[in-house]
Amino acid sequence: MSMPLFIRSLVRSEPMRVAQLVVGLLLMAAGPVIGVIPAPLPIGLILFGIGLALVLRNSLWARRRYVRWKRRFPRAARFTDFGLQRRRSRDPRALWRGK
């Protein structure tokens, strides 16, 4: 199901991109702070991951830094890429095969 053109243009507009970038940065900053609170779920890690996805989606500078980091630490990058994928395209066996 595709989004209507109006909503698609609104989501990708410059003010909305900046807003998503700011929200992503706030979530990344709040993740470690909330992570120190004892909870049954890793809420801080989840918030950090959502914030990272928003920042990588809306910042060319952050994407370039992320690609450099992936080249430097390929093993850690596999786990990060797995977490940033859409749910339907995840294959958990690919983590251990090295692909």
PDB file of N, CA and C in Angstrom:
ATOM      1  N   MET A   1       0.843  -1.160   0.000  1.00  0.00           N
ATOM      2  CA  MET A   1       0.000   0.000   0.000  1.00  0.00           C
ATOM      3  C   MET A   1       0.898   1.236   0.000  1.00  0.00           C
ATOM      4  N   SER A   2       0.762   2.078  -0.982  1.00  0.00           N
ATOM      5  CA  SER A   2       1.614   3.263  -1.056  1.00  0.00           C
ATOM      6  C   SER A   2       0.929   4.452  -0.408  1.00  0.00           C
ATOM      7  N   MET A   3       1.769   5.377   0.045  1.00  0.00           N
ATOM      8  CA  MET A   3       1.242   6.574   0.683  1.00  0.00           C
ATOM      9  C   MET A   3       0.762   7.554  -0.384  1.00  0.00           C
ATOM     10  N   PRO A   4      -0.245   8.359  -0.059  1.00  0.00           N
ATOM     11  CA  PRO A   4      -0.659   9.409  -0.996  1.00  0.00           C
ATOM     12  C   PRO A   4       0.482  10.405  -1.204  1.00  0.00           C
ATOM     13  N   LEU A   5       0.465  11.053  -2.352  1.00  0.00           N
ATOM     14  CA  LEU A   5       1.538  11.972  -2.726  1.00  0.00           C
ATOM     15  C   LEU A   5       1.697  13.101  -1.716  1.00  0.00           C
ATOM     16  N   PHE A   6       0.591  13.618  -1.197  1.00  0.00           N
ATOM     17  CA  PHE A   6       0.655  14.718  -0.233  1.00  0.00           C
ATOM     18  C   PHE A   6       1.417  14.314   1.020  1.00  0.00           C
ATOM     19  N   ILE A   7       1.119  13.156   1.558  1.00  0.00           N
ATOM     20  CA  ILE A   7       1.774  12.692   2.785  1.00  0.00           C
ATOM     21  C   ILE A   7       3.241  12.397   2.509  1.00  0.00           C
ATOM     22  N   ARG A   8       3.529  11.786   1.358  1.00  0.00           N
ATOM     23  CA  ARG A   8       4.914  11.484   1.009  1.00  0.00           C
ATOM     24  C   ARG A   8       5.737  12.761   0.887  1.00  0.00           C
ATOM     25  N   SER A   9       5.181  13.800   0.263  1.00  0.00           N
ATOM     26  CA  SER A   9       5.916  15.058   0.130  1.00  0.00           C
ATOM     27  C   SER A   9       6.053  15.764   1.473  1.00  0.00           C
ATOM     28  N   LEU A  10       5.064  15.618   2.345  1.00  0.00           N
ATOM     29  CA  LEU A  10       5.142  16.227   3.668  1.00  0.00           C
ATOM     30  C   LEU A  10       6.221  15.562   4.516  1.00  0.00           C
ATOM     31  N   VAL A  11       6.304  14.258   4.464  1.00  0.00           N
ATOM     32  CA  VAL A  11       7.275  13.520   5.265  1.00  0.00           C
ATOM     33  C   VAL A  11       8.697  13.828   4.813  1.00  0.00           C
ATOM     34  N   ARG A  12       8.923  14.007   3.526  1.00  0.00           N
ATOM     35  CA  ARG A  12      10.273  14.247   3.024  1.00  0.00           C
ATOM     36  C   ARG A  12      10.585  15.728   2.858  1.00  0.00           C
ATOM     37  N   SER A  13       9.755  16.630   3.377  1.00  0.00           N
ATOM     38  CA  SER A  13      10.038  18.052   3.273  1.00  0.00           C
ATOM     39  C   SER A  13      11.185  18.432   4.208  1.00  0.00           C
ATOM     40  N   GLU A  14      11.814  19.563   3.934  1.00  0.00           N
ATOM     41  CA  GLU A  14      12.989  19.991   4.704  1.00  0.00           C
ATOM     42  C   GLU A  14      12.676  20.221   6.190  1.00  0.00           C
ATOM     43  N   PRO A  15      11.585  20.938   6.545  1.00  0.00           N
ATOM     44  CA  PRO A  15      11.309  21.102   7.984  1.00  0.00           C
ATOM     45  C   PRO A  15      11.054  19.772   8.699  1.00  0.00           C
ATOM     46  N   MET A  16      10.396  18.852   8.020  1.00  0.00           N
ATOM     47  CA  MET A  16      10.131  17.558   8.645  1.00  0.00           C
ATOM     48  C   MET A  16      11.432  16.761   8.786  1.00  0.00           C
ATOM     49  N   ARG A  17      12.330  16.882   7.812  1.00  0.00           N
ATOM     50  CA  ARG A  17      13.631  16.212   7.904  1.00  0.00           C
ATOM     51  C   ARG A  17      14.428  16.715   9.089  1.00  0.00           C
ATOM     52  N   VAL A  18      14.424  18.038   9.280  1.00  0.00           N
ATOM     53  CA  VAL A  18      15.148  18.623  10.411  1.00  0.00           C
ATOM     54  C   VAL A  18      14.508  18.176  11.722  1.00  0.00           C
ATOM     55  N   ALA A  19      13.181  18.140  11.754  1.00  0.00           N
ATOM     56  CA  ALA A  19      12.490  17.692  12.972  1.00  0.00           C
ATOM     57  C   ALA A  19      12.826  16.233  13.287  1.00  0.00           C
ATOM     58  N   GLN A  20      12.862  15.380  12.260  1.00  0.00           N
ATOM     59  CA  GLN A  20      13.216  13.979  12.483  1.00  0.00           C
ATOM     60  C   GLN A  20      14.660  13.842  12.951  1.00  0.00           C
ATOM     61  N   LEU A  21      15.532  14.671  12.418  1.00  0.00           N
ATOM     62  CA  LEU A  21      16.936  14.652  12.831  1.00  0.00           C
ATOM     63  C   LEU A  21      17.066  15.051  14.302  1.00  0.00           C
ATOM     64  N   VAL A  22      16.351  16.086  14.717  1.00  0.00           N
ATOM     65  CA  VAL A  22      16.403  16.543  16.110  1.00  0.00           C
ATOM     66  C   VAL A  22      15.820  15.477  17.043  1.00  0.00           C
ATOM     67  N   VAL A  23      14.711  14.885  16.645  1.00  0.00           N
ATOM     68  CA  VAL A  23      14.106  13.829  17.467  1.00  0.00           C
ATOM     69  C   VAL A  23      15.069  12.639  17.573  1.00  0.00           C
ATOM     70  N   GLY A  24      15.727  12.298  16.474  1.00  0.00           N
ATOM     71  CA  GLY A  24      16.703  11.207  16.506  1.00  0.00           C
ATOM     72  C   GLY A  24      17.851  11.493  17.454  1.00  0.00           C
ATOM     73  N   LEU A  25      18.366  12.722  17.405  1.00  0.00           N
ATOM     74  CA  LEU A  25      19.456  13.094  18.317  1.00  0.00           C
ATOM     75  C   LEU A  25      19.001  13.056  19.772  1.00  0.00           C
ATOM     76  N   LEU A  26      17.780  13.523  20.025  1.00  0.00           N
ATOM     77  CA  LEU A  26      17.254  13.482  21.397  1.00  0.00           C
ATOM     78  C   LEU A  26      17.082  12.045  21.885  1.00  0.00           C
ATOM     79  N   LEU A  27      16.594  11.170  21.009  1.00  0.00           N
ATOM     80  CA  LEU A  27      16.444   9.769  21.398  1.00  0.00           C
ATOM     81  C   LEU A  27      17.796   9.109  21.646  1.00  0.00           C
ATOM     82  N   MET A  28      18.793   9.459  20.827  1.00  0.00           N
ATOM     83  CA  MET A  28      20.133   8.907  21.041  1.00  0.00           C
ATOM     84  C   MET A  28      20.733   9.408  22.349  1.00  0.00           C
ATOM     85  N   ALA A  29      20.444  10.657  22.718  1.00  0.00           N
ATOM     86  CA  ALA A  29      20.950  11.185  23.985  1.00  0.00           C
ATOM     87  C   ALA A  29      20.198  10.592  25.176  1.00  0.00           C
ATOM     88  N   ALA A  30      18.914  10.337  25.004  1.00  0.00           N
ATOM     89  CA  ALA A  30      18.105   9.802  26.106  1.00  0.00           C
ATOM     90  C   ALA A  30      18.321   8.308  26.306  1.00  0.00           C
ATOM     91  N   GLY A  31      18.760   7.606  25.278  1.00  0.00           N
ATOM     92  CA  GLY A  31      18.934   6.156  25.370  1.00  0.00           C
ATOM     93  C   GLY A  31      19.849   5.716  26.499  1.00  0.00           C
ATOM     94  N   PRO A  32      21.094   6.212  26.579  1.00  0.00           N
ATOM     95  CA  PRO A  32      21.971   5.800  27.681  1.00  0.00           C
ATOM     96  C   PRO A  32      21.472   6.252  29.054  1.00  0.00           C
ATOM     97  N   VAL A  33      20.831   7.410  29.108  1.00  0.00           N
ATOM     98  CA  VAL A  33      20.313   7.903  30.393  1.00  0.00           C
ATOM     99  C   VAL A  33      19.213   6.987  30.898  1.00  0.00           C
ATOM    100  N   ILE A  34      18.297   6.617  30.020  1.00  0.00           N
ATOM    101  CA  ILE A  34      17.203   5.725  30.412  1.00  0.00           C
ATOM    102  C   ILE A  34      17.721   4.300  30.601  1.00  0.00           C
ATOM    103  N   GLY A  35      18.805   3.961  29.917  1.00  0.00           N
ATOM    104  CA  GLY A  35      19.366   2.613  30.022  1.00  0.00           C
ATOM    105  C   GLY A  35      19.913   2.276  31.393  1.00  0.00           C
ATOM    106  N   VAL A  36      20.300   3.277  32.188  1.00  0.00           N
ATOM    107  CA  VAL A  36      20.826   2.987  33.523  1.00  0.00           C
ATOM    108  C   VAL A  36      19.727   2.708  34.530  1.00  0.00           C
ATOM    109  N   ILE A  37      18.488   3.028  34.191  1.00  0.00           N
ATOM    110  CA  ILE A  37      17.351   2.732  35.065  1.00  0.00           C
ATOM    111  C   ILE A  37      17.062   1.235  34.965  1.00  0.00           C
ATOM    112  N   PRO A  38      17.013   0.545  36.092  1.00  0.00           N
ATOM    113  CA  PRO A  38      16.746  -0.901  36.028  1.00  0.00           C
ATOM    114  C   PRO A  38      15.339  -1.162  35.480  1.00  0.00           C
ATOM    115  N   ALA A  39      15.271  -1.938  34.417  1.00  0.00           N
ATOM    116  CA  ALA A  39      13.991  -2.285  33.799  1.00  0.00           C
ATOM    117  C   ALA A  39      14.113  -3.689  33.213  1.00  0.00           C
ATOM    118  N   PRO A  40      12.994  -4.374  33.054  1.00  0.00           N
ATOM    119  CA  PRO A  40      13.059  -5.725  32.497  1.00  0.00           C
ATOM    120  C   PRO A  40      13.402  -5.743  31.011  1.00  0.00           C
ATOM    121  N   LEU A  41      13.177  -4.641  30.319  1.00  0.00           N
ATOM    122  CA  LEU A  41      13.491  -4.556  28.897  1.00  0.00           C
ATOM    123  C   LEU A  41      14.622  -3.558  28.661  1.00  0.00           C
ATOM    124  N   PRO A  42      15.414  -3.749  27.619  1.00  0.00           N
ATOM    125  CA  PRO A  42      16.488  -2.790  27.315  1.00  0.00           C
ATOM    126  C   PRO A  42      15.939  -1.555  26.591  1.00  0.00           C
ATOM    127  N   ILE A  43      15.149  -0.763  27.304  1.00  0.00           N
ATOM    128  CA  ILE A  43      14.467   0.382  26.698  1.00  0.00           C
ATOM    129  C   ILE A  43      15.468   1.394  26.169  1.00  0.00           C
ATOM    130  N   GLY A  44      16.554   1.616  26.891  1.00  0.00           N
ATOM    131  CA  GLY A  44      17.561   2.568  26.443  1.00  0.00           C
ATOM    132  C   GLY A  44      18.185   2.160  25.119  1.00  0.00           C
ATOM    133  N   LEU A  45      18.442   0.876  24.949  1.00  0.00           N
ATOM    134  CA  LEU A  45      19.018   0.371  23.705  1.00  0.00           C
ATOM    135  C   LEU A  45      18.038   0.521  22.543  1.00  0.00           C
ATOM    136  N   ILE A  46      16.781   0.279  22.817  1.00  0.00           N
ATOM    137  CA  ILE A  46      15.750   0.428  21.784  1.00  0.00           C
ATOM    138  C   ILE A  46      15.623   1.886  21.366  1.00  0.00           C
ATOM    139  N   LEU A  47      15.603   2.797  22.339  1.00  0.00           N
ATOM    140  CA  LEU A  47      15.517   4.228  22.015  1.00  0.00           C
ATOM    141  C   LEU A  47      16.742   4.686  21.229  1.00  0.00           C
ATOM    142  N   PHE A  48      17.918   4.219  21.608  1.00  0.00           N
ATOM    143  CA  PHE A  48      19.126   4.591  20.887  1.00  0.00           C
ATOM    144  C   PHE A  48      19.075   4.091  19.447  1.00  0.00           C
ATOM    145  N   GLY A  49      18.587   2.883  19.246  1.00  0.00           N
ATOM    146  CA  GLY A  49      18.478   2.328  17.893  1.00  0.00           C
ATOM    147  C   GLY A  49      17.500   3.098  17.025  1.00  0.00           C
ATOM    148  N   ILE A  50      16.362   3.476  17.591  1.00  0.00           N
ATOM    149  CA  ILE A  50      15.384   4.267  16.839  1.00  0.00           C
ATOM    150  C   ILE A  50      15.970   5.632  16.490  1.00  0.00           C
ATOM    151  N   GLY A  51      16.656   6.241  17.449  1.00  0.00           N
ATOM    152  CA  GLY A  51      17.289   7.536  17.189  1.00  0.00           C
ATOM    153  C   GLY A  51      18.365   7.435  16.129  1.00  0.00           C
ATOM    154  N   LEU A  52      19.165   6.377  16.178  1.00  0.00           N
ATOM    155  CA  LEU A  52      20.204   6.174  15.166  1.00  0.00           C
ATOM    156  C   LEU A  52      19.596   6.017  13.778  1.00  0.00           C
ATOM    157  N   ALA A  53      18.510   5.270  13.686  1.00  0.00           N
ATOM    158  CA  ALA A  53      17.850   5.089  12.390  1.00  0.00           C
ATOM    159  C   ALA A  53      17.333   6.420  11.849  1.00  0.00           C
ATOM    160  N   LEU A  54      16.751   7.257  12.705  1.00  0.00           N
ATOM    161  CA  LEU A  54      16.265   8.568  12.256  1.00  0.00           C
ATOM    162  C   LEU A  54      17.410   9.467  11.811  1.00  0.00           C
ATOM    163  N   VAL A  55      18.500   9.461  12.556  1.00  0.00           N
ATOM    164  CA  VAL A  55      19.634  10.314  12.205  1.00  0.00           C
ATOM    165  C   VAL A  55      20.261   9.840  10.899  1.00  0.00           C
ATOM    166  N   LEU A  56      20.448   8.535  10.741  1.00  0.00           N
ATOM    167  CA  LEU A  56      21.054   8.021   9.508  1.00  0.00           C
ATOM    168  C   LEU A  56      20.160   8.268   8.298  1.00  0.00           C
ATOM    169  N   ARG A  57      18.874   8.287   8.505  1.00  0.00           N
ATOM    170  CA  ARG A  57      17.955   8.530   7.397  1.00  0.00           C
ATOM    171  C   ARG A  57      17.979   9.990   6.939  1.00  0.00           C
ATOM    172  N   ASN A  58      18.276  10.906   7.838  1.00  0.00           N
ATOM    173  CA  ASN A  58      18.128  12.322   7.533  1.00  0.00           C
ATOM    174  C   ASN A  58      19.423  13.115   7.495  1.00  0.00           C
ATOM    175  N   SER A  59      20.571  12.493   7.684  1.00  0.00           N
ATOM    176  CA  SER A  59      21.828  13.229   7.707  1.00  0.00           C
ATOM    177  C   SER A  59      22.865  12.556   6.828  1.00  0.00           C
ATOM    178  N   LEU A  60      23.291  13.254   5.799  1.00  0.00           N
ATOM    179  CA  LEU A  60      24.324  12.722   4.915  1.00  0.00           C
ATOM    180  C   LEU A  60      25.649  12.583   5.659  1.00  0.00           C
ATOM    181  N   TRP A  61      25.976  13.556   6.512  1.00  0.00           N
ATOM    182  CA  TRP A  61      27.212  13.509   7.290  1.00  0.00           C
ATOM    183  C   TRP A  61      27.238  12.259   8.176  1.00  0.00           C
ATOM    184  N   ALA A  62      26.117  11.972   8.857  1.00  0.00           N
ATOM    185  CA  ALA A  62      26.054  10.804   9.741  1.00  0.00           C
ATOM    186  C   ALA A  62      26.167   9.505   8.939  1.00  0.00           C
ATOM    187  N   ARG A  63      25.577   9.464   7.754  1.00  0.00           N
ATOM    188  CA  ARG A  63      25.689   8.268   6.926  1.00  0.00           C
ATOM    189  C   ARG A  63      27.131   8.012   6.506  1.00  0.00           C
ATOM    190  N   ARG A  64      27.835   9.074   6.141  1.00  0.00           N
ATOM    191  CA  ARG A  64      29.245   8.909   5.757  1.00  0.00           C
ATOM    192  C   ARG A  64      30.081   8.409   6.931  1.00  0.00           C
ATOM    193  N   ARG A  65      29.845   8.962   8.114  1.00  0.00           N
ATOM    194  CA  ARG A  65      30.567   8.502   9.305  1.00  0.00           C
ATOM    195  C   ARG A  65      30.233   7.045   9.618  1.00  0.00           C
ATOM    196  N   TYR A  66      28.986   6.678   9.451  1.00  0.00           N
ATOM    197  CA  TYR A  66      28.559   5.308   9.718  1.00  0.00           C
ATOM    198  C   TYR A  66      29.230   4.334   8.746  1.00  0.00           C
ATOM    199  N   VAL A  67      29.343   4.715   7.476  1.00  0.00           N
ATOM    200  CA  VAL A  67      30.000   3.851   6.496  1.00  0.00           C
ATOM    201  C   VAL A  67      31.470   3.678   6.844  1.00  0.00           C
ATOM    202  N   ARG A  68      32.120   4.756   7.277  1.00  0.00           N
ATOM    203  CA  ARG A  68      33.530   4.637   7.711  1.00  0.00           C
ATOM    204  C   ARG A  68      33.655   3.707   8.910  1.00  0.00           C
ATOM    205  N   TRP A  69      32.737   3.836   9.856  1.00  0.00           N
ATOM    206  CA  TRP A  69      32.749   2.986  11.042  1.00  0.00           C
ATOM    207  C   TRP A  69      32.528   1.525  10.649  1.00  0.00           C
ATOM    208  N   LYS A  70      31.618   1.288   9.690  1.00  0.00           N
ATOM    209  CA  LYS A  70      31.367  -0.079   9.231  1.00  0.00           C
ATOM    210  C   LYS A  70      32.605  -0.697   8.599  1.00  0.00           C
ATOM    211  N   ARG A  71      33.360   0.087   7.853  1.00  0.00           N
ATOM    212  CA  ARG A  71      34.569  -0.438   7.230  1.00  0.00           C
ATOM    213  C   ARG A  71      35.644  -0.740   8.264  1.00  0.00           C
ATOM    214  N   ARG A  72      35.686   0.048   9.325  1.00  0.00           N
ATOM    215  CA  ARG A  72      36.698  -0.154  10.348  1.00  0.00           C
ATOM    216  C   ARG A  72      36.364  -1.334  11.259  1.00  0.00           C
ATOM    217  N   PHE A  73      35.081  -1.508  11.567  1.00  0.00           N
ATOM    218  CA  PHE A  73      34.644  -2.579  12.462  1.00  0.00           C
ATOM    219  C   PHE A  73      33.581  -3.439  11.757  1.00  0.00           C
ATOM    220  N   PRO A  74      33.971  -4.279  10.801  1.00  0.00           N
ATOM    221  CA  PRO A  74      32.968  -5.020  10.019  1.00  0.00           C
ATOM    222  C   PRO A  74      32.158  -6.017  10.844  1.00  0.00           C
ATOM    223  N   ARG A  75      32.771  -6.601  11.864  1.00  0.00           N
ATOM    224  CA  ARG A  75      32.029  -7.586  12.649  1.00  0.00           C
ATOM    225  C   ARG A  75      30.903  -6.923  13.455  1.00  0.00           C
ATOM    226  N   ALA A  76      31.195  -5.795  14.073  1.00  0.00           N
ATOM    227  CA  ALA A  76      30.167  -5.073  14.820  1.00  0.00           C
ATOM    228  C   ALA A  76      29.124  -4.485  13.871  1.00  0.00           C
ATOM    229  N   ALA A  77      29.554  -4.135  12.665  1.00  0.00           N
ATOM    230  CA  ALA A  77      28.636  -3.538  11.704  1.00  0.00           C
ATOM    231  C   ALA A  77      27.562  -4.533  11.261  1.00  0.00           C
ATOM    232  N   ARG A  78      27.890  -5.817  11.236  1.00  0.00           N
ATOM    233  CA  ARG A  78      26.870  -6.810  10.859  1.00  0.00           C
ATOM    234  C   ARG A  78      25.708  -6.790  11.831  1.00  0.00           C
ATOM    235  N   PHE A  79      26.002  -6.702  13.130  1.00  0.00           N
ATOM    236  CA  PHE A  79      24.940  -6.683  14.129  1.00  0.00           C
ATOM    237  C   PHE A  79      24.147  -5.380  14.053  1.00  0.00           C
ATOM    238  N   THR A  80      24.838  -4.277  13.818  1.00  0.00           N
ATOM    239  CA  THR A  80      24.149  -2.989  13.708  1.00  0.00           C
ATOM    240  C   THR A  80      23.255  -2.970  12.477  1.00  0.00           C
ATOM    241  N   ASP A  81      23.760  -3.440  11.353  1.00  0.00           N
ATOM    242  CA  ASP A  81      22.947  -3.487  10.144  1.00  0.00           C
ATOM    243  C   ASP A  81      21.729  -4.378  10.327  1.00  0.00           C
ATOM    244  N   PHE A  82      21.918  -5.492  11.031  1.00  0.00           N
ATOM    245  CA  PHE A  82      20.795  -6.389  11.293  1.00  0.00           C
ATOM    246  C   PHE A  82      19.714  -5.674  12.098  1.00  0.00           C
ATOM    247  N   GLY A  83      20.115  -4.880  13.068  1.00  0.00           N
ATOM    248  CA  GLY A  83      19.143  -4.158  13.883  1.00  0.00           C
ATOM    249  C   GLY A  83      18.452  -3.036  13.143  1.00  0.00           C
ATOM    250  N   LEU A  84      19.096  -2.467  12.132  1.00  0.00           N
ATOM    251  CA  LEU A  84      18.507  -1.364  11.385  1.00  0.00           C
ATOM    252  C   LEU A  84      17.661  -1.822  10.199  1.00  0.00           C
ATOM    253  N   GLN A  85      17.661  -3.110   9.884  1.00  0.00           N
ATOM    254  CA  GLN A  85      16.885  -3.604   8.746  1.00  0.00           C
ATOM    255  C   GLN A  85      15.406  -3.624   9.057  1.00  0.00           C
ATOM    256  N   ARG A  86      14.626  -3.662   7.999  1.00  0.00           N
ATOM    257  CA  ARG A  86      13.190  -3.851   8.174  1.00  0.00           C
ATOM    258  C   ARG A  86      12.947  -5.278   8.641  1.00  0.00           C
ATOM    259  N   ARG A  87      11.905  -5.457   9.363  1.00  0.00           N
ATOM    260  CA  ARG A  87      11.630  -6.756   9.975  1.00  0.00           C
ATOM    261  C   ARG A  87      11.491  -7.867   8.936  1.00  0.00           C
ATOM    262  N   ARG A  88      10.841  -7.600   7.822  1.00  0.00           N
ATOM    263  CA  ARG A  88      10.582  -8.668   6.861  1.00  0.00           C
ATOM    264  C   ARG A  88      11.833  -9.104   6.099  1.00  0.00           C
ATOM    265  N   SER A  89      12.881  -8.300   6.110  1.00  0.00           N
ATOM    266  CA  SER A  89      14.080  -8.681   5.357  1.00  0.00           C
ATOM    267  C   SER A  89      15.183  -9.230   6.259  1.00  0.00           C
ATOM    268  N   ARG A  90      14.888  -9.475   7.514  1.00  0.00           N
ATOM    269  CA  ARG A  90      15.891 -10.005   8.432  1.00  0.00           C
ATOM    270  C   ARG A  90      16.035 -11.509   8.273  1.00  0.00           C
ATOM    271  N   ASP A  91      17.262 -11.948   8.264  1.00  0.00           N
ATOM    272  CA  ASP A  91      17.568 -13.373   8.279  1.00  0.00           C
ATOM    273  C   ASP A  91      18.603 -13.587   9.375  1.00  0.00           C
ATOM    274  N   PRO A  92      18.203 -14.063  10.550  1.00  0.00           N
ATOM    275  CA  PRO A  92      19.137 -14.181  11.664  1.00  0.00           C
ATOM    276  C   PRO A  92      20.331 -15.087  11.356  1.00  0.00           C
ATOM    277  N   ARG A  93      20.171 -16.033  10.445  1.00  0.00           N
ATOM    278  CA  ARG A  93      21.290 -16.927  10.130  1.00  0.00           C
ATOM    279  C   ARG A  93      22.410 -16.184   9.417  1.00  0.00           C
ATOM    280  N   ALA A  94      22.089 -15.049   8.768  1.00  0.00           N
ATOM    281  CA  ALA A  94      23.109 -14.291   8.047  1.00  0.00           C
ATOM    282  C   ALA A  94      24.127 -13.666   8.990  1.00  0.00           C
ATOM    283  N   LEU A  95      23.750 -13.443  10.234  1.00  0.00           N
ATOM    284  CA  LEU A  95      24.693 -12.884  11.206  1.00  0.00           C
ATOM    285  C   LEU A  95      25.866 -13.815  11.442  1.00  0.00           C
ATOM    286  N   TRP A  96      25.593 -15.090  11.490  1.00  0.00           N
ATOM    287  CA  TRP A  96      26.632 -16.046  11.846  1.00  0.00           C
ATOM    288  C   TRP A  96      27.348 -16.610  10.625  1.00  0.00           C
ATOM    289  N   ARG A  97      26.768 -16.445   9.448  1.00  0.00           N
ATOM    290  CA  ARG A  97      27.434 -16.902   8.230  1.00  0.00           C
ATOM    291  C   ARG A  97      28.490 -15.919   7.755  1.00  0.00           C
ATOM    292  N   GLY A  98      28.393 -14.685   8.207  1.00  0.00           N
ATOM    293  CA  GLY A  98      29.374 -13.685   7.799  1.00  0.00           C
ATOM    294  C   GLY A  98      29.023 -12.991   6.506  1.00  0.00           C
ATOM    295  N   LYS A  99      27.757 -13.052   6.091  1.00  0.00           N
ATOM    296  CA  LYS A  99      27.354 -12.414   4.837  1.00  0.00           C
ATOM    297  C   LYS A  99      26.655 -11.121   5.103  1.00  0.00           C
TER     298      LYS A  99
END
